[in-house]
């Protein structure tokens, strides 16, 4: 059994009435019956013919909004009985990206409920504008903008397009460290805290993301479980890379990690902060990132330059930067030798 909605005066089955009222444009946005809206529109048109165009636009807007609400209702509630969360989970993305999508959807719907807004593209635009007023970082807001647009296209309509993102985004480049800067910094960290020193030593050795240190388990220290004839390796897990990364490990670093994990009995135990940080890898990475970044901010050996950003990512950039420029120098020397220039000649720049 069903009945007509008292607001939009459309027939709705009884079991879907509560859900319909949450989406009904006449209840959510106007809190007025459809017949009353039409009456007021007609009255306005009769009383002031000069506003006929505005009234017609308003009528079209209400009609389009009502139709869109019905479409949303049909797709979300009736289409295979799937709710938005189920549709988001059907998206072909990685697990970490999926968690980000679900979190952003939760934040948006919570905001919409708190502000008595329907779930729509217009509400999403208002939500993004509200984030701008809270002085969130432009890069963060753009990421939320793009994520919400993808989700709305998946859940409701593939033709949904949010307002163009116009905030200007500026990035401060990460600071690559010189060999001396890196050595001095790690020596300082060795004296302050052994565990944080080893974490940063790993980051600097292999150019790792912070999530690798957060995810590293005893079983990933494969050199500890190999026979003497096998080349010592370490597995470096990374949530952003699907390929398994195995790297050789120096005897010095092996000894550091063996001494640090002495007494560990569970091979599934996290290597770093196994009890202090939560078990969830993503949350562990966030907490560890904050901790290491604080170490970097409080250092007394690095002379900070305002044009650069100093964070845990600087270790990753340092490895890439130094490797690139080392190889570039070797190639320049080879080219100089090939064409008969003296080594170190700056004239090579005119040939490459």
Protein backbone atom coordinates (compact mmCIF):
# COMPACT_ATOMS: atom_id res chain seq x y z
CA UNK A 1 0.00 0.00 0.00
CA UNK A 2 1.08 3.55 -0.60
CA UNK A 3 -0.11 7.12 -0.66
CA UNK A 4 0.60 10.49 -2.21
CA UNK A 5 3.48 12.50 -0.79
CA UNK A 6 1.96 15.49 0.99
CA UNK A 7 4.65 17.76 -0.46
CA UNK A 8 5.22 16.79 -4.09
CA UNK A 9 1.83 15.02 -4.36
CA UNK A 10 3.38 12.05 -6.12
CA UNK A 11 2.34 8.50 -5.33
CA UNK A 12 4.97 6.64 -3.28
CA UNK A 13 4.77 3.10 -1.85
CA UNK A 14 4.49 2.91 1.92
CA UNK A 15 7.85 1.28 2.57
CA UNK A 16 9.67 3.96 0.57
CA UNK A 17 7.90 7.01 1.96
CA UNK A 18 10.50 7.77 4.66
CA UNK A 19 13.35 7.61 2.17
CA UNK A 20 11.40 9.65 -0.37
CA UNK A 21 10.82 12.44 2.16
CA UNK A 22 14.59 12.69 2.69
CA UNK A 23 15.01 13.42 -1.03
CA UNK A 24 11.79 15.30 -1.85
CA UNK A 25 12.78 18.72 -3.16
CA UNK A 26 9.56 20.33 -1.99
CA UNK A 27 10.08 19.15 1.59
CA UNK A 28 13.89 19.45 1.88
CA UNK A 29 14.44 22.72 0.02
CA UNK A 30 11.07 24.51 0.20
CA UNK A 31 9.08 22.83 2.99
CA UNK A 32 6.01 23.67 0.90
CA UNK A 33 3.46 21.70 -1.06
CA UNK A 34 3.86 21.54 -4.80
CA UNK A 35 0.36 22.93 -5.36
CA UNK A 36 1.18 25.93 -3.15
CA UNK A 37 4.36 26.60 -5.12
CA UNK A 38 2.48 26.46 -8.41
CA UNK A 39 -0.24 28.74 -7.00
CA UNK A 40 2.33 31.30 -5.90
CA UNK A 41 4.06 31.13 -9.24
CA UNK A 42 0.80 31.75 -11.09
CA UNK A 43 -0.14 34.57 -8.75
CA UNK A 44 3.25 36.20 -9.18
CA UNK A 45 2.97 35.96 -12.95
CA UNK A 46 -0.44 37.61 -12.92
CA UNK A 47 0.60 40.38 -10.52
CA UNK A 48 3.78 41.44 -12.28
CA UNK A 49 4.21 40.58 -15.92
CA UNK A 50 7.70 42.08 -15.96
CA UNK A 51 8.93 39.16 -13.87
CA UNK A 52 7.52 36.50 -16.15
CA UNK A 53 10.96 35.41 -17.27
CA UNK A 54 12.29 35.02 -13.71
CA UNK A 55 9.18 33.10 -12.68
CA UNK A 56 9.53 30.79 -15.66
CA UNK A 57 13.16 30.15 -14.79
CA UNK A 58 12.19 29.37 -11.20
CA UNK A 59 9.49 27.02 -12.38
CA UNK A 60 11.89 25.26 -14.70
CA UNK A 61 14.45 25.02 -11.91
CA UNK A 62 11.91 23.46 -9.56
CA UNK A 63 10.69 21.09 -12.24
CA UNK A 64 14.22 20.02 -13.17
CA UNK A 65 15.16 19.62 -9.52
CA UNK A 66 12.09 17.50 -8.90
CA UNK A 67 12.86 15.31 -11.91
CA UNK A 68 16.47 14.93 -10.81
CA UNK A 69 15.33 13.97 -7.30
CA UNK A 70 13.08 11.27 -8.77
CA UNK A 71 15.98 10.04 -10.91
CA UNK A 72 18.23 9.88 -7.87
CA UNK A 73 15.52 8.04 -5.94
CA UNK A 74 15.09 5.56 -8.77
CA UNK A 75 18.83 4.90 -9.12
CA UNK A 76 19.83 4.81 -5.47
CA UNK A 77 16.85 3.10 -3.88
CA UNK A 78 15.34 0.96 -6.58
CA UNK A 79 18.25 0.05 -8.83
CA UNK A 80 19.11 -3.42 -7.59
CA UNK A 81 18.45 -2.21 -4.03
CA UNK A 82 21.97 -0.81 -3.80
CA UNK A 83 22.77 2.11 -1.55
CA UNK A 84 25.53 4.64 -2.32
CA UNK A 85 28.09 2.82 -0.14
CA UNK A 86 27.58 -0.40 -2.12
CA UNK A 87 27.97 1.46 -5.40
CA UNK A 88 31.17 3.12 -4.24
CA UNK A 89 32.55 -0.28 -3.24
CA UNK A 90 31.93 -1.49 -6.81
CA UNK A 91 34.40 1.06 -8.19
CA UNK A 92 37.54 -0.45 -9.68
CA UNK A 93 40.13 1.26 -7.46
CA UNK A 94 42.78 0.17 -4.96
CA UNK A 95 41.90 -0.57 -1.36
CA UNK A 96 43.50 2.62 -0.03
CA UNK A 97 41.71 4.73 -2.67
CA UNK A 98 38.46 3.00 -1.80
CA UNK A 99 38.90 3.90 1.86
CA UNK A 100 39.54 7.52 0.88
CA UNK A 101 36.36 7.56 -1.24
CA UNK A 102 34.27 6.10 1.58
CA UNK A 103 35.70 8.58 4.07
CA UNK A 104 35.01 11.54 1.78
CA UNK A 105 31.46 10.35 1.17
CA UNK A 106 30.93 10.02 4.92
CA UNK A 107 32.21 13.56 5.53
CA UNK A 108 30.03 14.99 2.76
CA UNK A 109 26.82 13.21 3.79
CA UNK A 110 27.41 14.13 7.43
CA UNK A 111 27.80 17.78 6.42
CA UNK A 112 24.67 17.61 4.25
CA UNK A 113 22.61 16.16 7.10
CA UNK A 114 23.91 18.72 9.58
CA UNK A 115 23.06 21.57 7.19
CA UNK A 116 19.76 20.01 6.03
CA UNK A 117 20.93 19.77 2.42
CA UNK A 118 19.97 17.10 -0.12
CA UNK A 119 22.63 14.86 -1.61
CA UNK A 120 23.17 16.60 -4.94
CA UNK A 121 25.74 18.33 -7.12
CA UNK A 122 24.58 21.74 -5.85
CA UNK A 123 25.13 20.63 -2.28
CA UNK A 124 28.57 19.30 -3.19
CA UNK A 125 29.47 22.70 -4.65
CA UNK A 126 28.30 24.40 -1.45
CA UNK A 127 30.32 21.90 0.60
CA UNK A 128 33.50 22.62 -1.39
CA UNK A 129 32.91 26.37 -0.98
CA UNK A 130 32.51 25.87 2.78
CA UNK A 131 35.90 24.11 2.90
CA UNK A 132 37.44 27.14 1.19
CA UNK A 133 36.00 29.40 3.88
CA UNK A 134 37.65 27.20 6.52
CA UNK A 135 41.00 28.04 4.88
CA UNK A 136 41.83 24.45 4.02
CA UNK A 137 44.82 23.94 1.74
CA UNK A 138 43.95 24.46 -1.92
CA UNK A 139 45.51 21.12 -2.89
CA UNK A 140 43.39 19.34 -0.27
CA UNK A 141 40.19 21.02 -1.47
CA UNK A 142 40.95 20.16 -5.11
CA UNK A 143 41.45 16.52 -4.15
CA UNK A 144 38.10 16.52 -2.33
CA UNK A 145 36.47 18.26 -5.33
CA UNK A 146 37.73 15.62 -7.77
CA UNK A 147 36.83 12.77 -5.42
CA UNK A 148 33.27 13.99 -4.86
CA UNK A 149 32.71 14.44 -8.58
CA UNK A 150 33.84 10.87 -9.27
CA UNK A 151 31.63 9.52 -6.49
CA UNK A 152 28.54 11.46 -7.60
CA UNK A 153 29.06 10.22 -11.16
CA UNK A 154 29.29 6.64 -9.89
CA UNK A 155 26.35 6.85 -7.49
CA UNK A 156 23.88 9.11 -9.32
CA UNK A 157 24.62 10.30 -12.82
CA UNK A 158 27.73 9.99 -14.99
CA UNK A 159 26.99 13.44 -16.43
CA UNK A 160 27.36 15.21 -13.07
CA UNK A 161 29.94 18.00 -13.27
CA UNK A 162 30.77 20.17 -10.27
CA UNK A 163 31.73 23.81 -10.56
CA UNK A 164 35.19 24.32 -12.03
CA UNK A 165 37.91 24.41 -9.37
CA UNK A 166 39.56 27.81 -9.59
CA UNK A 167 41.71 28.09 -6.47
CA UNK A 168 45.38 28.61 -7.24
CA UNK A 169 47.66 25.87 -5.94
CA UNK A 170 51.28 26.55 -5.09
CA UNK A 171 53.78 23.90 -4.05
CA UNK A 172 56.98 24.36 -2.10
CA UNK A 173 59.50 21.83 -3.46
CA UNK A 174 60.94 19.26 -1.05
CA UNK A 175 64.53 19.89 -0.05
CA UNK A 176 67.06 17.33 -1.32
CA UNK A 177 69.92 17.01 1.17
CA UNK A 178 73.59 17.02 0.36
CA UNK A 179 75.69 14.08 1.57
CA UNK A 180 77.03 16.21 4.44
CA UNK A 181 73.59 17.48 5.44
CA UNK A 182 72.22 13.94 5.46
CA UNK A 183 75.18 12.58 7.46
CA UNK A 184 74.99 15.37 10.05
CA UNK A 185 71.24 15.00 10.40
CA UNK A 186 71.31 11.21 10.88
CA UNK A 187 74.15 11.51 13.42
CA UNK A 188 72.03 13.99 15.36
CA UNK A 189 69.05 11.63 15.26
CA UNK A 190 71.19 8.69 16.41
CA UNK A 191 71.94 10.57 19.62
CA UNK A 192 68.31 11.61 20.20
CA UNK A 193 66.31 8.42 19.62
CA UNK A 194 67.48 5.03 18.31
CA UNK A 195 64.14 3.92 16.88
CA UNK A 196 63.45 7.14 14.97
CA UNK A 197 67.05 7.13 13.76
CA UNK A 198 66.69 3.64 12.25
CA UNK A 199 63.39 4.62 10.59
CA UNK A 200 64.99 7.65 8.97
CA UNK A 201 68.08 5.65 8.04
CA UNK A 202 65.86 3.23 6.09
CA UNK A 203 64.01 6.10 4.41
CA UNK A 204 67.31 7.70 3.37
CA UNK A 205 68.89 4.43 2.20
CA UNK A 206 66.08 3.24 -0.05
CA UNK A 207 64.13 6.44 -0.80
CA UNK A 208 61.01 5.12 0.92
CA UNK A 209 57.60 6.55 1.57
CA UNK A 210 56.74 6.76 5.25
CA UNK A 211 54.05 4.09 4.84
CA UNK A 212 56.76 1.49 4.17
CA UNK A 213 58.37 2.04 7.56
CA UNK A 214 54.93 1.94 9.18
CA UNK A 215 54.06 -1.36 7.44
CA UNK A 216 57.40 -3.08 7.88
CA UNK A 217 57.07 -6.38 9.79
CA UNK A 218 59.68 -8.79 11.13
CA UNK A 219 58.91 -11.26 8.32
CA UNK A 220 59.92 -8.56 5.81
CA UNK A 221 63.48 -8.71 7.15
CA UNK A 222 64.13 -11.68 4.89
CA UNK A 223 67.89 -11.61 5.40
CA UNK A 224 67.26 -12.94 8.92
CA UNK A 225 65.67 -16.14 7.59
CA UNK A 226 67.99 -17.01 4.68
CA UNK A 227 70.94 -19.39 4.68
CA UNK A 228 74.44 -18.04 4.27
CA UNK A 229 74.59 -18.88 0.57
CA UNK A 230 71.66 -16.66 -0.40
CA UNK A 231 72.02 -12.94 -1.06
CA UNK A 232 70.62 -10.96 1.91
CA UNK A 233 67.41 -9.14 1.00
CA UNK A 234 64.83 -6.93 2.65
CA UNK A 235 61.21 -6.69 1.55
CA UNK A 236 59.95 -3.10 1.42
CA UNK A 237 56.12 -3.02 1.45
CA UNK A 238 54.43 0.02 -0.10
CA UNK A 239 50.68 0.65 -0.18
CA UNK A 240 51.01 2.66 -3.42
CA UNK A 241 53.02 0.06 -5.35
CA UNK A 242 51.60 -3.33 -6.30
CA UNK A 243 54.90 -4.90 -7.33
CA UNK A 244 56.83 -6.66 -4.57
CA UNK A 245 60.01 -4.72 -3.85
CA UNK A 246 63.04 -6.71 -2.72
CA UNK A 247 66.33 -4.90 -2.17
CA UNK A 248 69.84 -6.00 -1.14
CA UNK A 249 70.87 -4.87 2.31
CA UNK A 250 74.31 -3.95 3.56
CA UNK A 251 75.95 -5.85 6.44
CA UNK A 252 75.92 -2.66 8.53
CA UNK A 253 72.18 -2.15 8.13
CA UNK A 254 71.57 -5.85 8.76
CA UNK A 255 73.35 -5.58 12.08
CA UNK A 256 71.39 -2.47 13.05
CA UNK A 257 68.05 -4.18 12.38
CA UNK A 258 69.10 -7.47 14.03
CA UNK A 259 70.07 -5.65 17.21
CA UNK A 260 66.89 -3.58 17.19
CA UNK A 261 64.56 -6.57 16.74
CA UNK A 262 66.41 -8.81 19.21
CA UNK A 263 63.79 -10.43 21.40
CA UNK A 264 60.96 -10.19 18.82
CA UNK A 265 59.21 -13.58 18.72
CA UNK A 266 56.30 -12.91 16.37
CA UNK A 267 57.28 -12.67 12.68
CA UNK A 268 54.03 -10.77 12.00
CA UNK A 269 54.91 -8.10 14.53
CA UNK A 270 55.53 -4.58 13.26
CA UNK A 271 59.21 -3.64 13.46
CA UNK A 272 58.65 -0.06 14.62
CA UNK A 273 56.32 1.10 17.39
CA UNK A 274 54.66 -2.30 17.50
CA UNK A 275 52.53 -1.39 20.54
CA UNK A 276 52.38 2.42 20.59
CA UNK A 277 50.75 2.94 17.21
CA UNK A 278 47.43 1.36 16.11
CA UNK A 279 47.37 -1.81 14.03
CA UNK A 280 45.70 -0.19 11.01
CA UNK A 281 48.52 0.44 8.46
CA UNK A 282 47.05 3.71 7.19
CA UNK A 283 46.63 5.17 10.66
CA UNK A 284 50.12 3.95 11.61
CA UNK A 285 51.57 5.76 8.59
CA UNK A 286 49.79 8.99 9.53
CA UNK A 287 51.03 8.86 13.13
CA UNK A 288 54.57 7.95 12.11
CA UNK A 289 54.64 10.71 9.51
CA UNK A 290 53.69 13.29 12.13
CA UNK A 291 56.37 11.97 14.48
CA UNK A 292 59.19 12.00 11.92
CA UNK A 293 58.14 15.40 10.55
CA UNK A 294 58.35 16.77 14.07
CA UNK A 295 61.90 15.40 14.34
CA UNK A 296 62.79 17.20 11.12
CA UNK A 297 61.17 20.45 12.26
CA UNK A 298 63.08 20.39 15.56
CA UNK A 299 66.50 19.56 14.13
CA UNK A 300 69.37 21.88 14.97
CA UNK A 301 71.79 20.79 12.25
CA UNK A 302 69.80 21.62 9.11
CA UNK A 303 69.82 25.23 7.98
CA UNK A 304 66.27 25.69 6.70
CA UNK A 305 65.60 27.60 3.48
CA UNK A 306 62.16 29.21 3.21
CA UNK A 307 61.75 28.24 -0.45
CA UNK A 308 61.83 24.53 0.41
CA UNK A 309 59.59 22.23 2.39
CA UNK A 310 61.16 19.92 4.97
CA UNK A 311 59.31 16.67 5.64
CA UNK A 312 59.84 12.90 5.62
CA UNK A 313 59.49 13.01 1.83
CA UNK A 314 62.84 14.81 1.57
CA UNK A 315 64.62 11.47 2.06
CA UNK A 316 62.86 10.06 -0.98
CA UNK A 317 63.69 13.12 -3.06
CA UNK A 318 67.30 13.08 -1.87
CA UNK A 319 67.85 9.54 -3.18
CA UNK A 320 66.26 10.36 -6.55
CA UNK A 321 67.99 13.75 -6.87
CA UNK A 322 71.47 12.48 -6.02
CA UNK A 323 71.17 9.40 -8.22
CA UNK A 324 70.00 11.46 -11.20
CA UNK A 325 72.72 14.10 -10.93
CA UNK A 326 75.44 11.51 -10.31
CA UNK A 327 74.49 9.72 -13.50
CA UNK A 328 74.14 13.04 -15.33
CA UNK A 329 77.71 13.97 -14.35
CA UNK A 330 79.04 10.62 -15.60
CA UNK A 331 77.25 11.00 -18.93
CA UNK A 332 78.55 14.55 -19.36
CA UNK A 333 82.10 13.29 -18.76
CA UNK A 334 81.60 10.53 -21.32
CA UNK A 335 80.30 13.02 -23.89
CA UNK A 336 83.23 15.39 -23.24
CA UNK A 337 85.67 12.52 -23.78
CA UNK A 338 83.90 11.41 -26.95
CA UNK A 339 84.10 14.82 -28.63
CA UNK A 340 87.53 15.72 -27.30
CA UNK A 341 86.62 18.34 -24.70
CA UNK A 342 88.58 18.72 -21.48
CA UNK A 343 86.95 17.16 -18.44
CA UNK A 344 84.89 19.68 -16.47
CA UNK A 345 84.45 22.02 -19.44
CA UNK A 346 81.20 23.97 -19.30
CA UNK A 347 81.12 24.17 -23.10
CA UNK A 348 79.36 20.80 -23.09
CA UNK A 349 76.05 22.57 -22.42
CA UNK A 350 76.08 23.82 -26.03
CA UNK A 351 76.12 20.24 -27.34
CA UNK A 352 73.46 18.52 -25.23
